[in-house]
Amino acid sequence: MKGKLFWKEHHRLILLVGFLVLIPLLLLQLRHNSPPQKPTYVQPKSATPAPVWKTYDEQVKEGTLQPAKEILEVVVHYDENKTPQFTFTAFHKKNGYVRSLPEENPYTAQLLNVNQQVIAEQAFAVPTERISETVSRSRDSSIRGKVDTLSQVDAVITLPWNADATEIRILDTKGTQVGIAPISQVQVFNNT
C-alpha cells in the first residue's frame, strides 16, 4: 500500500528524473553509432600573410635582391701564437655578396695591385669564441653556456673580386701587418 501511495504522490518527479537520465544516454548511443567524421583543418587567422618562397631570379627581377657579383673568398688559418698570425690556404673566385662589416673589427684585409696600392679592403673579425656544453637562452635573450676561446681557427674572408689584385695582406687595429701572401692558384666556381 505504501508503494502505491508513494508512486501516486511522486510519479511526475520519478518520470522527470527518468527522462533526465535517459536523454544523455540516448545521445551517447546515437553519437557512438554515427559514422566518424573526417577532421577538418582550419587555417589559423594571422595578421601577416604567410611568406612565399621565391627563387633568386624572381627576387632579382622584382628588385628585392641585388644580383650576385664576383667575389674573392680567402680561406685563412689563424694562430695567435705564430708570426705571422695568418696563413692563406686557398683562394676561390665565386658569385656572391660581400657583407658590410663595421670598421671597428680588429682586422682589415687589403687587396693590393702590382704597385702595392690598396684596391679593396674589408674589416673582419676572427671567430675565436665557441659556446660548448649546455646552451640555453636566458630571459634577457642572451645565450648561456661554457665559452671556449680558441687560439687557432680556420676562417673565410670575403672581398670584392678585382682582376688587378696580386697580393693580400692583413693588418691589425694598430696597422701592424699580421699576414701577407700573393694571390695564386685561384679556384673558379661558377656557382648560381
N, C-alpha and C. Protein backbone atom coordinates (compact mmCIF):
# COMPACT_ATOMS: atom_id res chain seq x y z
N MET A 1 0.81 -1.18 0.00
CA MET A 1 0.00 0.00 0.00
C MET A 1 0.86 1.25 0.00
N LYS A 2 1.95 1.17 0.74
CA LYS A 2 2.83 2.33 0.79
C LYS A 2 3.43 2.61 -0.58
N GLY A 3 3.80 1.57 -1.36
CA GLY A 3 4.38 1.75 -2.67
C GLY A 3 3.44 2.43 -3.62
N LYS A 4 2.16 2.06 -3.59
CA LYS A 4 1.18 2.70 -4.47
C LYS A 4 1.00 4.15 -4.08
N LEU A 5 1.00 4.42 -2.80
CA LEU A 5 0.83 5.78 -2.34
C LEU A 5 2.03 6.65 -2.73
N PHE A 6 3.22 6.08 -2.59
CA PHE A 6 4.45 6.82 -2.95
C PHE A 6 4.44 7.14 -4.44
N TRP A 7 4.05 6.12 -5.27
CA TRP A 7 4.01 6.32 -6.72
C TRP A 7 2.98 7.37 -7.10
N LYS A 8 1.86 7.34 -6.48
CA LYS A 8 0.80 8.28 -6.78
C LYS A 8 1.23 9.69 -6.44
N GLU A 9 1.94 9.88 -5.36
CA GLU A 9 2.35 11.22 -4.94
C GLU A 9 3.57 11.72 -5.74
N HIS A 10 4.46 10.86 -6.15
CA HIS A 10 5.73 11.29 -6.75
C HIS A 10 5.93 10.82 -8.19
N HIS A 11 4.89 10.36 -8.85
CA HIS A 11 5.07 9.78 -10.18
C HIS A 11 5.61 10.80 -11.20
N ARG A 12 5.20 12.01 -11.11
CA ARG A 12 5.71 13.02 -12.04
C ARG A 12 7.21 13.26 -11.83
N LEU A 13 7.61 13.32 -10.59
CA LEU A 13 9.03 13.54 -10.26
C LEU A 13 9.88 12.35 -10.72
N ILE A 14 9.35 11.15 -10.53
CA ILE A 14 10.08 9.95 -10.93
C ILE A 14 10.21 9.91 -12.46
N LEU A 15 9.16 10.24 -13.18
CA LEU A 15 9.24 10.27 -14.64
C LEU A 15 10.21 11.33 -15.14
N LEU A 16 10.20 12.49 -14.52
CA LEU A 16 11.11 13.56 -14.90
C LEU A 16 12.57 13.16 -14.70
N VAL A 17 12.88 12.59 -13.56
CA VAL A 17 14.25 12.12 -13.30
C VAL A 17 14.63 11.03 -14.29
N GLY A 18 13.70 10.14 -14.61
CA GLY A 18 13.98 9.09 -15.59
C GLY A 18 14.32 9.65 -16.95
N PHE A 19 13.54 10.64 -17.40
CA PHE A 19 13.84 11.28 -18.68
C PHE A 19 15.18 12.00 -18.66
N LEU A 20 15.48 12.67 -17.57
CA LEU A 20 16.76 13.39 -17.48
C LEU A 20 17.95 12.43 -17.54
N VAL A 21 17.81 11.25 -17.02
CA VAL A 21 18.88 10.26 -17.09
C VAL A 21 18.90 9.60 -18.46
N LEU A 22 17.75 9.39 -19.04
CA LEU A 22 17.65 8.69 -20.31
C LEU A 22 18.15 9.51 -21.49
N ILE A 23 17.93 10.82 -21.50
CA ILE A 23 18.32 11.67 -22.65
C ILE A 23 19.83 11.64 -22.89
N PRO A 24 20.70 11.88 -21.89
CA PRO A 24 22.14 11.79 -22.18
C PRO A 24 22.57 10.41 -22.64
N LEU A 25 21.94 9.35 -22.11
CA LEU A 25 22.29 8.00 -22.55
C LEU A 25 21.94 7.79 -24.02
N LEU A 26 20.78 8.30 -24.44
CA LEU A 26 20.39 8.19 -25.84
C LEU A 26 21.33 8.98 -26.75
N LEU A 27 21.71 10.17 -26.32
CA LEU A 27 22.63 10.98 -27.13
C LEU A 27 23.98 10.29 -27.27
N LEU A 28 24.48 9.71 -26.21
CA LEU A 28 25.75 8.97 -26.29
C LEU A 28 25.64 7.78 -27.24
N GLN A 29 24.51 7.08 -27.20
CA GLN A 29 24.31 5.94 -28.08
C GLN A 29 24.25 6.38 -29.54
N LEU A 30 23.55 7.49 -29.82
CA LEU A 30 23.47 7.99 -31.20
C LEU A 30 24.84 8.40 -31.71
N ARG A 31 25.60 9.06 -30.88
CA ARG A 31 26.94 9.51 -31.29
C ARG A 31 27.85 8.32 -31.55
N HIS A 32 27.71 7.29 -30.71
CA HIS A 32 28.54 6.10 -30.86
C HIS A 32 28.22 5.37 -32.16
N ASN A 33 26.97 5.37 -32.58
CA ASN A 33 26.55 4.66 -33.79
C ASN A 33 26.73 5.47 -35.07
N SER A 34 26.97 6.77 -34.98
CA SER A 34 27.12 7.57 -36.20
C SER A 34 28.50 7.36 -36.81
N PRO A 35 28.62 7.48 -38.16
CA PRO A 35 29.92 7.27 -38.80
C PRO A 35 30.91 8.37 -38.37
N PRO A 36 32.21 8.01 -38.26
CA PRO A 36 33.19 9.03 -37.83
C PRO A 36 33.32 10.13 -38.87
N GLN A 37 33.45 11.33 -38.39
CA GLN A 37 33.60 12.47 -39.30
C GLN A 37 35.07 12.71 -39.56
N LYS A 38 35.34 13.12 -40.77
CA LYS A 38 36.71 13.41 -41.17
C LYS A 38 37.13 14.73 -40.51
N PRO A 39 38.30 14.75 -39.84
CA PRO A 39 38.72 16.00 -39.20
C PRO A 39 39.00 17.06 -40.26
N THR A 40 38.67 18.27 -39.96
CA THR A 40 38.92 19.36 -40.88
C THR A 40 39.98 20.28 -40.30
N TYR A 41 40.85 20.77 -41.18
CA TYR A 41 41.91 21.68 -40.76
C TYR A 41 41.44 23.10 -41.00
N VAL A 42 41.55 23.91 -39.98
CA VAL A 42 41.17 25.31 -40.10
C VAL A 42 42.45 26.13 -40.06
N GLN A 43 42.69 26.87 -41.12
CA GLN A 43 43.87 27.73 -41.18
C GLN A 43 43.75 28.82 -40.11
N PRO A 44 44.77 28.91 -39.22
CA PRO A 44 44.68 29.97 -38.21
C PRO A 44 44.73 31.34 -38.86
N LYS A 45 43.97 32.24 -38.30
CA LYS A 45 43.95 33.60 -38.82
C LYS A 45 45.21 34.31 -38.35
N SER A 46 45.82 35.03 -39.24
CA SER A 46 47.05 35.74 -38.93
C SER A 46 46.97 37.15 -39.49
N ALA A 47 47.59 38.07 -38.77
CA ALA A 47 47.61 39.45 -39.24
C ALA A 47 48.56 39.61 -40.42
N THR A 48 49.60 38.77 -40.47
CA THR A 48 50.56 38.86 -41.57
C THR A 48 50.41 37.64 -42.46
N PRO A 49 50.50 37.83 -43.77
CA PRO A 49 50.37 36.68 -44.66
C PRO A 49 51.59 35.76 -44.53
N ALA A 50 51.38 34.50 -44.85
CA ALA A 50 52.46 33.52 -44.80
C ALA A 50 53.51 33.89 -45.85
N PRO A 51 54.79 33.70 -45.52
CA PRO A 51 55.82 34.03 -46.51
C PRO A 51 55.74 33.11 -47.73
N VAL A 52 56.09 33.66 -48.86
CA VAL A 52 56.06 32.91 -50.12
C VAL A 52 57.49 32.70 -50.58
N TRP A 53 57.83 31.46 -50.90
CA TRP A 53 59.18 31.15 -51.37
C TRP A 53 59.35 31.70 -52.78
N LYS A 54 60.46 32.45 -52.98
CA LYS A 54 60.76 32.98 -54.30
C LYS A 54 62.19 32.59 -54.66
N THR A 55 62.39 32.33 -55.93
CA THR A 55 63.73 31.96 -56.38
C THR A 55 64.61 33.20 -56.45
N TYR A 56 65.90 32.96 -56.56
CA TYR A 56 66.86 34.05 -56.72
C TYR A 56 66.50 34.91 -57.94
N ASP A 57 66.20 34.26 -59.08
CA ASP A 57 65.87 35.00 -60.30
C ASP A 57 64.62 35.86 -60.13
N GLU A 58 63.60 35.34 -59.44
CA GLU A 58 62.39 36.11 -59.20
C GLU A 58 62.67 37.35 -58.34
N GLN A 59 63.50 37.16 -57.31
CA GLN A 59 63.81 38.28 -56.42
C GLN A 59 64.65 39.35 -57.13
N VAL A 60 65.58 38.93 -57.97
CA VAL A 60 66.38 39.89 -58.73
C VAL A 60 65.49 40.65 -59.70
N LYS A 61 64.58 39.94 -60.37
CA LYS A 61 63.68 40.57 -61.34
C LYS A 61 62.78 41.60 -60.66
N GLU A 62 62.30 41.28 -59.44
CA GLU A 62 61.45 42.21 -58.69
C GLU A 62 62.24 43.38 -58.09
N GLY A 63 63.54 43.23 -57.98
CA GLY A 63 64.36 44.27 -57.37
C GLY A 63 64.47 44.16 -55.86
N THR A 64 64.00 43.04 -55.29
CA THR A 64 64.11 42.85 -53.84
C THR A 64 65.46 42.26 -53.44
N LEU A 65 66.25 41.84 -54.41
CA LEU A 65 67.58 41.28 -54.15
C LEU A 65 68.52 41.78 -55.23
N GLN A 66 69.66 42.28 -54.82
CA GLN A 66 70.67 42.72 -55.78
C GLN A 66 71.31 41.50 -56.44
N PRO A 67 71.66 41.58 -57.70
CA PRO A 67 72.32 40.44 -58.33
C PRO A 67 73.67 40.15 -57.68
N ALA A 68 74.01 38.89 -57.61
CA ALA A 68 75.31 38.49 -57.06
C ALA A 68 76.42 39.03 -57.95
N LYS A 69 77.56 39.33 -57.34
CA LYS A 69 78.72 39.83 -58.08
C LYS A 69 79.87 38.85 -57.89
N GLU A 70 80.91 39.03 -58.64
CA GLU A 70 82.09 38.19 -58.47
C GLU A 70 82.79 38.57 -57.17
N ILE A 71 83.13 37.55 -56.39
CA ILE A 71 83.81 37.79 -55.11
C ILE A 71 85.05 36.92 -55.01
N LEU A 72 85.91 37.30 -54.10
CA LEU A 72 87.09 36.51 -53.78
C LEU A 72 86.94 36.02 -52.35
N GLU A 73 86.86 34.70 -52.20
CA GLU A 73 86.85 34.10 -50.87
C GLU A 73 88.28 33.68 -50.54
N VAL A 74 88.76 34.17 -49.42
CA VAL A 74 90.12 33.86 -48.99
C VAL A 74 90.02 32.99 -47.74
N VAL A 75 90.51 31.76 -47.83
CA VAL A 75 90.49 30.85 -46.69
C VAL A 75 91.80 31.05 -45.93
N VAL A 76 91.67 31.37 -44.63
CA VAL A 76 92.84 31.66 -43.82
C VAL A 76 92.89 30.73 -42.62
N HIS A 77 94.11 30.51 -42.13
CA HIS A 77 94.31 29.82 -40.86
C HIS A 77 94.90 30.85 -39.90
N TYR A 78 94.23 31.02 -38.75
CA TYR A 78 94.68 31.98 -37.74
C TYR A 78 95.30 31.21 -36.58
N ASP A 79 96.48 31.65 -36.16
CA ASP A 79 97.14 31.09 -34.98
C ASP A 79 97.74 32.25 -34.21
N GLU A 80 97.16 32.56 -33.05
CA GLU A 80 97.60 33.74 -32.29
C GLU A 80 99.02 33.60 -31.75
N ASN A 81 99.57 32.38 -31.72
CA ASN A 81 100.90 32.16 -31.17
C ASN A 81 102.00 32.12 -32.23
N LYS A 82 101.65 32.36 -33.49
CA LYS A 82 102.64 32.33 -34.57
C LYS A 82 102.82 33.72 -35.15
N THR A 83 103.95 33.90 -35.80
CA THR A 83 104.20 35.12 -36.55
C THR A 83 104.57 34.69 -37.97
N PRO A 84 103.82 35.11 -38.96
CA PRO A 84 102.60 35.91 -38.91
C PRO A 84 101.42 35.09 -38.37
N GLN A 85 100.43 35.77 -37.85
CA GLN A 85 99.27 35.08 -37.26
C GLN A 85 98.37 34.45 -38.32
N PHE A 86 98.39 34.98 -39.53
CA PHE A 86 97.52 34.48 -40.60
C PHE A 86 98.35 33.83 -41.69
N THR A 87 97.91 32.63 -42.09
CA THR A 87 98.45 31.98 -43.29
C THR A 87 97.27 31.75 -44.22
N PHE A 88 97.52 31.81 -45.51
CA PHE A 88 96.47 31.74 -46.52
C PHE A 88 96.49 30.35 -47.14
N THR A 89 95.34 29.66 -47.08
CA THR A 89 95.30 28.27 -47.53
C THR A 89 94.59 28.07 -48.87
N ALA A 90 93.70 29.00 -49.27
CA ALA A 90 93.02 28.83 -50.56
C ALA A 90 92.40 30.15 -51.00
N PHE A 91 92.28 30.30 -52.32
CA PHE A 91 91.61 31.46 -52.91
C PHE A 91 90.53 30.94 -53.86
N HIS A 92 89.30 31.43 -53.70
CA HIS A 92 88.19 31.00 -54.54
C HIS A 92 87.51 32.21 -55.18
N LYS A 93 87.34 32.15 -56.49
CA LYS A 93 86.55 33.16 -57.19
C LYS A 93 85.15 32.58 -57.35
N LYS A 94 84.14 33.30 -56.83
CA LYS A 94 82.77 32.83 -56.84
C LYS A 94 81.81 33.95 -57.18
N ASN A 95 80.54 33.60 -57.28
CA ASN A 95 79.47 34.58 -57.36
C ASN A 95 78.86 34.69 -55.97
N GLY A 96 78.67 35.91 -55.48
CA GLY A 96 78.12 36.05 -54.14
C GLY A 96 78.05 37.50 -53.72
N TYR A 97 78.14 37.68 -52.42
CA TYR A 97 77.98 39.01 -51.82
C TYR A 97 79.09 39.26 -50.82
N VAL A 98 79.49 40.52 -50.72
CA VAL A 98 80.45 40.94 -49.69
C VAL A 98 79.64 41.64 -48.61
N ARG A 99 79.75 41.12 -47.42
CA ARG A 99 78.99 41.67 -46.30
C ARG A 99 79.68 42.92 -45.77
N SER A 100 78.91 43.96 -45.53
CA SER A 100 79.46 45.19 -44.96
C SER A 100 79.60 45.00 -43.46
N LEU A 101 80.81 45.11 -42.97
CA LEU A 101 81.07 44.95 -41.54
C LEU A 101 81.56 46.25 -40.95
N PRO A 102 81.28 46.50 -39.67
CA PRO A 102 81.75 47.75 -39.05
C PRO A 102 83.27 47.83 -39.07
N GLU A 103 83.78 49.05 -39.21
CA GLU A 103 85.23 49.23 -39.29
C GLU A 103 85.94 48.96 -37.98
N GLU A 104 85.19 48.88 -36.85
CA GLU A 104 85.86 48.65 -35.58
C GLU A 104 86.24 47.19 -35.36
N ASN A 105 86.06 46.33 -36.37
CA ASN A 105 86.55 44.96 -36.26
C ASN A 105 88.07 44.97 -36.13
N PRO A 106 88.64 43.96 -35.48
CA PRO A 106 90.07 44.01 -35.17
C PRO A 106 91.03 43.85 -36.35
N TYR A 107 90.55 43.38 -37.49
CA TYR A 107 91.45 43.16 -38.62
C TYR A 107 90.89 43.78 -39.89
N THR A 108 91.81 44.10 -40.80
CA THR A 108 91.44 44.60 -42.12
C THR A 108 92.21 43.80 -43.16
N ALA A 109 91.47 43.23 -44.12
CA ALA A 109 92.09 42.54 -45.24
C ALA A 109 92.16 43.53 -46.39
N GLN A 110 93.33 43.63 -47.04
CA GLN A 110 93.51 44.56 -48.15
C GLN A 110 93.99 43.81 -49.38
N LEU A 111 93.36 44.12 -50.52
CA LEU A 111 93.85 43.62 -51.79
C LEU A 111 94.78 44.67 -52.37
N LEU A 112 95.94 44.22 -52.81
CA LEU A 112 96.95 45.13 -53.37
C LEU A 112 97.17 44.81 -54.85
N ASN A 113 97.46 45.87 -55.62
CA ASN A 113 97.79 45.64 -57.03
C ASN A 113 99.30 45.49 -57.17
N VAL A 114 99.75 45.40 -58.39
CA VAL A 114 101.17 45.18 -58.69
C VAL A 114 102.05 46.32 -58.16
N ASN A 115 101.48 47.52 -58.00
CA ASN A 115 102.23 48.67 -57.49
C ASN A 115 102.09 48.83 -55.97
N GLN A 116 101.55 47.79 -55.29
CA GLN A 116 101.35 47.80 -53.83
C GLN A 116 100.32 48.83 -53.36
N GLN A 117 99.42 49.24 -54.27
CA GLN A 117 98.34 50.15 -53.91
C GLN A 117 97.13 49.33 -53.46
N VAL A 118 96.42 49.85 -52.44
CA VAL A 118 95.22 49.19 -51.93
C VAL A 118 94.08 49.43 -52.92
N ILE A 119 93.51 48.34 -53.45
CA ILE A 119 92.41 48.48 -54.41
C ILE A 119 91.07 48.02 -53.82
N ALA A 120 91.11 47.35 -52.68
CA ALA A 120 89.89 46.95 -51.96
C ALA A 120 90.29 46.56 -50.55
N GLU A 121 89.38 46.79 -49.60
CA GLU A 121 89.66 46.34 -48.24
C GLU A 121 88.36 45.98 -47.53
N GLN A 122 88.50 45.14 -46.52
CA GLN A 122 87.34 44.64 -45.78
C GLN A 122 87.73 44.43 -44.33
N ALA A 123 86.96 45.02 -43.41
CA ALA A 123 87.15 44.78 -41.99
C ALA A 123 86.55 43.42 -41.64
N PHE A 124 87.16 42.71 -40.68
CA PHE A 124 86.62 41.42 -40.28
C PHE A 124 87.12 41.06 -38.88
N ALA A 125 86.50 40.06 -38.31
CA ALA A 125 86.90 39.52 -37.01
C ALA A 125 87.11 38.02 -37.16
N VAL A 126 87.95 37.48 -36.32
CA VAL A 126 88.21 36.04 -36.34
C VAL A 126 87.30 35.39 -35.29
N PRO A 127 86.53 34.37 -35.67
CA PRO A 127 85.61 33.74 -34.71
C PRO A 127 86.34 32.79 -33.77
N THR A 128 86.94 33.35 -32.73
CA THR A 128 87.75 32.53 -31.80
C THR A 128 86.97 32.03 -30.59
N GLU A 129 85.71 32.47 -30.42
CA GLU A 129 84.92 32.00 -29.28
C GLU A 129 83.92 30.97 -29.75
N ARG A 130 83.84 29.88 -28.98
CA ARG A 130 82.89 28.81 -29.29
C ARG A 130 82.13 28.47 -28.02
N ILE A 131 80.80 28.44 -28.13
CA ILE A 131 79.97 28.08 -26.98
C ILE A 131 79.80 26.57 -26.99
N SER A 132 80.10 25.94 -25.87
CA SER A 132 80.00 24.49 -25.79
C SER A 132 79.23 24.09 -24.55
N GLU A 133 79.14 22.81 -24.34
CA GLU A 133 78.37 22.21 -23.25
C GLU A 133 76.91 22.62 -23.34
N THR A 134 76.25 22.83 -22.22
CA THR A 134 74.83 23.13 -22.23
C THR A 134 74.60 24.55 -22.69
N VAL A 135 73.79 24.70 -23.71
CA VAL A 135 73.46 26.02 -24.24
C VAL A 135 71.99 26.27 -23.97
N SER A 136 71.69 27.42 -23.39
CA SER A 136 70.30 27.78 -23.15
C SER A 136 70.13 29.26 -23.37
N ARG A 137 68.92 29.64 -23.69
CA ARG A 137 68.61 31.05 -23.91
C ARG A 137 67.95 31.57 -22.64
N SER A 138 68.53 32.63 -22.07
CA SER A 138 68.00 33.18 -20.83
C SER A 138 66.89 34.18 -21.12
N ARG A 139 66.30 34.69 -20.07
CA ARG A 139 65.17 35.62 -20.23
C ARG A 139 65.59 36.90 -20.94
N ASP A 140 66.83 37.31 -20.80
CA ASP A 140 67.28 38.53 -21.48
C ASP A 140 67.76 38.24 -22.90
N SER A 141 67.47 37.04 -23.41
CA SER A 141 67.76 36.59 -24.78
C SER A 141 69.24 36.32 -25.03
N SER A 142 70.08 36.39 -24.00
CA SER A 142 71.48 36.04 -24.23
C SER A 142 71.63 34.52 -24.18
N ILE A 143 72.65 34.03 -24.85
CA ILE A 143 72.88 32.60 -24.90
C ILE A 143 73.88 32.25 -23.81
N ARG A 144 73.52 31.27 -23.01
CA ARG A 144 74.38 30.86 -21.90
C ARG A 144 75.00 29.51 -22.22
N GLY A 145 76.18 29.32 -21.73
CA GLY A 145 76.89 28.06 -21.91
C GLY A 145 78.36 28.31 -21.65
N LYS A 146 79.16 27.27 -21.69
CA LYS A 146 80.60 27.42 -21.48
C LYS A 146 81.22 27.99 -22.76
N VAL A 147 82.00 29.04 -22.63
CA VAL A 147 82.64 29.66 -23.78
C VAL A 147 84.10 29.22 -23.82
N ASP A 148 84.48 28.61 -24.92
CA ASP A 148 85.88 28.23 -25.14
C ASP A 148 86.51 29.27 -26.06
N THR A 149 87.70 29.76 -25.70
CA THR A 149 88.43 30.68 -26.58
C THR A 149 89.51 29.87 -27.28
N LEU A 150 89.47 29.89 -28.60
CA LEU A 150 90.40 29.11 -29.41
C LEU A 150 91.59 29.96 -29.81
N SER A 151 92.76 29.39 -29.78
CA SER A 151 93.95 30.13 -30.22
C SER A 151 94.22 29.89 -31.70
N GLN A 152 93.60 28.85 -32.28
CA GLN A 152 93.74 28.55 -33.71
C GLN A 152 92.35 28.33 -34.30
N VAL A 153 92.14 28.85 -35.48
CA VAL A 153 90.86 28.67 -36.16
C VAL A 153 91.03 28.91 -37.65
N ASP A 154 90.21 28.22 -38.45
CA ASP A 154 90.14 28.48 -39.89
C ASP A 154 88.94 29.39 -40.14
N ALA A 155 89.09 30.31 -41.06
CA ALA A 155 88.02 31.27 -41.35
C ALA A 155 88.05 31.63 -42.83
N VAL A 156 86.99 32.30 -43.27
CA VAL A 156 86.88 32.75 -44.66
C VAL A 156 86.66 34.25 -44.66
N ILE A 157 87.42 34.97 -45.45
CA ILE A 157 87.26 36.41 -45.64
C ILE A 157 86.71 36.60 -47.04
N THR A 158 85.67 37.40 -47.18
CA THR A 158 85.06 37.65 -48.48
C THR A 158 85.35 39.09 -48.90
N LEU A 159 85.89 39.24 -50.09
CA LEU A 159 86.23 40.55 -50.66
C LEU A 159 85.65 40.66 -52.06
N PRO A 160 85.46 41.89 -52.55
CA PRO A 160 85.01 42.01 -53.95
C PRO A 160 86.11 41.52 -54.88
N TRP A 161 85.72 40.86 -55.97
CA TRP A 161 86.70 40.38 -56.94
C TRP A 161 87.30 41.56 -57.68
N ASN A 162 88.61 41.55 -57.86
CA ASN A 162 89.29 42.56 -58.65
C ASN A 162 90.42 41.85 -59.39
N ALA A 163 90.33 41.83 -60.71
CA ALA A 163 91.32 41.12 -61.53
C ALA A 163 92.71 41.71 -61.39
N ASP A 164 92.82 42.97 -60.93
CA ASP A 164 94.13 43.60 -60.77
C ASP A 164 94.81 43.23 -59.44
N ALA A 165 94.13 42.53 -58.56
CA ALA A 165 94.71 42.17 -57.27
C ALA A 165 95.77 41.10 -57.45
N THR A 166 96.93 41.36 -56.89
CA THR A 166 98.03 40.40 -56.99
C THR A 166 98.47 39.89 -55.62
N GLU A 167 98.05 40.59 -54.57
CA GLU A 167 98.52 40.24 -53.23
C GLU A 167 97.43 40.60 -52.21
N ILE A 168 97.44 39.89 -51.10
CA ILE A 168 96.54 40.21 -50.00
C ILE A 168 97.36 40.36 -48.73
N ARG A 169 96.98 41.35 -47.92
CA ARG A 169 97.64 41.49 -46.61
C ARG A 169 96.57 41.78 -45.57
N ILE A 170 96.91 41.42 -44.34
CA ILE A 170 96.01 41.64 -43.21
C ILE A 170 96.72 42.52 -42.19
N LEU A 171 96.01 43.54 -41.75
CA LEU A 171 96.52 44.46 -40.73
C LEU A 171 95.67 44.35 -39.47
N ASP A 172 96.31 44.53 -38.30
CA ASP A 172 95.52 44.59 -37.06
C ASP A 172 95.10 46.02 -36.80
N THR A 173 94.48 46.30 -35.66
CA THR A 173 93.96 47.65 -35.37
C THR A 173 95.07 48.69 -35.26
N LYS A 174 96.28 48.27 -34.96
CA LYS A 174 97.41 49.21 -34.85
C LYS A 174 98.06 49.46 -36.21
N GLY A 175 97.58 48.76 -37.25
CA GLY A 175 98.18 48.91 -38.57
C GLY A 175 99.37 47.99 -38.79
N THR A 176 99.59 47.07 -37.86
CA THR A 176 100.69 46.11 -37.99
C THR A 176 100.29 44.99 -38.93
N GLN A 177 101.16 44.65 -39.85
CA GLN A 177 100.89 43.57 -40.79
C GLN A 177 100.99 42.23 -40.07
N VAL A 178 99.91 41.44 -40.11
CA VAL A 178 99.89 40.14 -39.43
C VAL A 178 99.69 38.99 -40.41
N GLY A 179 99.79 39.27 -41.71
CA GLY A 179 99.69 38.25 -42.74
C GLY A 179 99.77 38.88 -44.11
N ILE A 180 100.51 38.21 -45.02
CA ILE A 180 100.61 38.70 -46.40
C ILE A 180 100.91 37.51 -47.30
N ALA A 181 100.35 37.53 -48.52
CA ALA A 181 100.58 36.44 -49.47
C ALA A 181 100.21 36.88 -50.87
N PRO A 182 100.88 36.32 -51.89
CA PRO A 182 100.44 36.56 -53.26
C PRO A 182 99.15 35.80 -53.52
N ILE A 183 98.30 36.37 -54.35
CA ILE A 183 97.06 35.69 -54.72
C ILE A 183 97.40 34.75 -55.87
N SER A 184 97.35 33.45 -55.60
CA SER A 184 97.75 32.47 -56.61
C SER A 184 96.84 31.25 -56.52
N GLN A 185 96.85 30.46 -57.58
CA GLN A 185 96.08 29.23 -57.67
C GLN A 185 94.61 29.47 -57.27
N VAL A 186 94.02 30.46 -57.90
CA VAL A 186 92.62 30.79 -57.61
C VAL A 186 91.72 29.76 -58.26
N GLN A 187 90.90 29.08 -57.46
CA GLN A 187 89.92 28.13 -57.98
C GLN A 187 88.66 28.93 -58.36
N VAL A 188 88.13 28.67 -59.55
CA VAL A 188 86.95 29.39 -60.03
C VAL A 188 85.74 28.48 -59.90
N PHE A 189 84.70 28.99 -59.23
CA PHE A 189 83.43 28.28 -59.08
C PHE A 189 82.35 29.15 -59.70
N ASN A 190 81.70 28.64 -60.74
CA ASN A 190 80.61 29.39 -61.36
C ASN A 190 79.29 29.01 -60.69
N ASN A 191 79.22 29.28 -59.39
CA ASN A 191 78.04 28.91 -58.62
C ASN A 191 76.86 29.81 -58.94
N THR A 192 75.65 29.25 -58.80
CA THR A 192 74.44 30.05 -59.04
C THR A 192 73.61 30.07 -57.78
